[in-house]
Amino acid sequence: TIISWGKSREKDAFECLLDQFPSGPVAVVSDSYDIFKACKHIWGDKLKERVMERSEDSALIIRPDSGDPAQTLIE
């Protein structure tokens, strides 16, 4: 579903999921284009405030869906 928004609107797609699921854990596949860019620049910068505002029982799970999972986690 993320790629249906297009590369230039990846942040908007992530933000929409935060809007749709304001409470409870939510897992977001974030490797549609570049998981490391998504983690550092989108989740860790542009949307950081939104993520930090989530309650303790409303974890954001940034999920890769391709590549070597062990290597991705190490990165």
Protein backbone atom coordinates (compact mmCIF):
# COMPACT_ATOMS: atom_id res chain seq x y z
CA THR A 1 0.00 0.00 0.00
CA ILE A 2 2.92 2.37 0.59
CA ILE A 3 4.05 2.35 -3.03
CA SER A 4 0.54 3.22 -4.22
CA TRP A 5 1.21 6.72 -2.79
CA GLY A 6 4.36 7.08 -4.91
CA LYS A 7 7.95 7.63 -3.82
CA SER A 8 7.53 11.38 -3.32
CA ARG A 9 4.61 10.80 -0.92
CA GLU A 10 6.09 7.97 1.17
CA LYS A 11 6.00 10.17 4.30
CA ASP A 12 2.34 10.95 3.64
CA ALA A 13 1.56 7.23 3.42
CA PHE A 14 3.28 6.56 6.74
CA GLU A 15 1.52 9.51 8.35
CA CYS A 16 -1.84 8.26 7.09
CA LEU A 17 -1.25 4.96 8.89
CA LEU A 18 -0.49 6.83 12.11
CA ASP A 19 -3.79 8.69 11.61
CA GLN A 20 -5.71 5.48 10.89
CA PHE A 21 -4.27 3.70 13.92
CA PRO A 22 -3.74 6.32 16.65
CA SER A 23 -3.65 3.73 19.44
CA GLY A 24 -2.48 0.17 19.81
CA PRO A 25 0.58 -1.27 18.13
CA VAL A 26 0.95 -0.69 14.40
CA ALA A 27 3.45 -2.37 12.07
CA VAL A 28 4.40 -0.48 8.93
CA VAL A 29 6.32 -2.06 6.06
CA SER A 30 8.93 0.61 5.47
CA ASP A 31 11.27 -0.82 2.85
CA SER A 32 9.27 0.01 -0.25
CA TYR A 33 12.10 2.24 -1.45
CA ASP A 34 14.92 2.42 1.14
CA ILE A 35 14.39 1.21 4.71
CA PHE A 36 17.45 3.04 6.02
CA LYS A 37 16.29 6.37 4.57
CA ALA A 38 12.78 5.70 5.89
CA CYS A 39 14.13 5.01 9.40
CA LYS A 40 16.57 7.90 9.53
CA HIS A 41 14.85 10.67 7.59
CA ILE A 42 11.14 9.93 7.73
CA TRP A 43 10.42 8.03 10.97
CA GLY A 44 13.44 9.38 12.84
CA ASP A 45 13.11 13.01 11.72
CA LYS A 46 10.00 14.17 9.89
CA LEU A 47 7.59 11.96 11.87
CA LYS A 48 9.58 11.64 15.09
CA GLU A 49 7.23 13.86 17.11
CA ARG A 50 4.21 11.82 15.96
CA VAL A 51 5.95 8.59 16.92
CA MET A 52 7.07 9.89 20.31
CA GLU A 53 3.53 11.10 21.11
CA ARG A 54 2.17 7.55 20.86
CA SER A 55 1.32 5.97 24.20
CA GLU A 56 3.40 3.21 25.73
CA ASP A 57 0.95 0.53 24.55
CA SER A 58 0.88 1.96 21.01
CA ALA A 59 4.25 0.86 19.67
CA LEU A 60 5.29 1.62 16.12
CA ILE A 61 6.93 -1.40 14.51
CA ILE A 62 9.02 -0.42 11.50
CA ARG A 63 9.02 -3.59 9.47
CA PRO A 64 11.22 -4.65 6.56
CA ASP A 65 9.58 -6.98 4.07
CA SER A 66 12.53 -7.91 1.88
CA GLY A 67 16.26 -8.47 2.01
CA ASP A 68 18.20 -10.28 4.71
CA PRO A 69 16.35 -9.56 7.98
CA ALA A 70 19.43 -10.17 10.16
CA GLN A 71 21.52 -7.74 8.11
CA THR A 72 18.76 -5.14 8.10
CA LEU A 73 18.48 -5.30 11.88
CA ILE A 74 22.24 -4.92 12.28
CA GLU A 75 22.17 -1.80 10.11
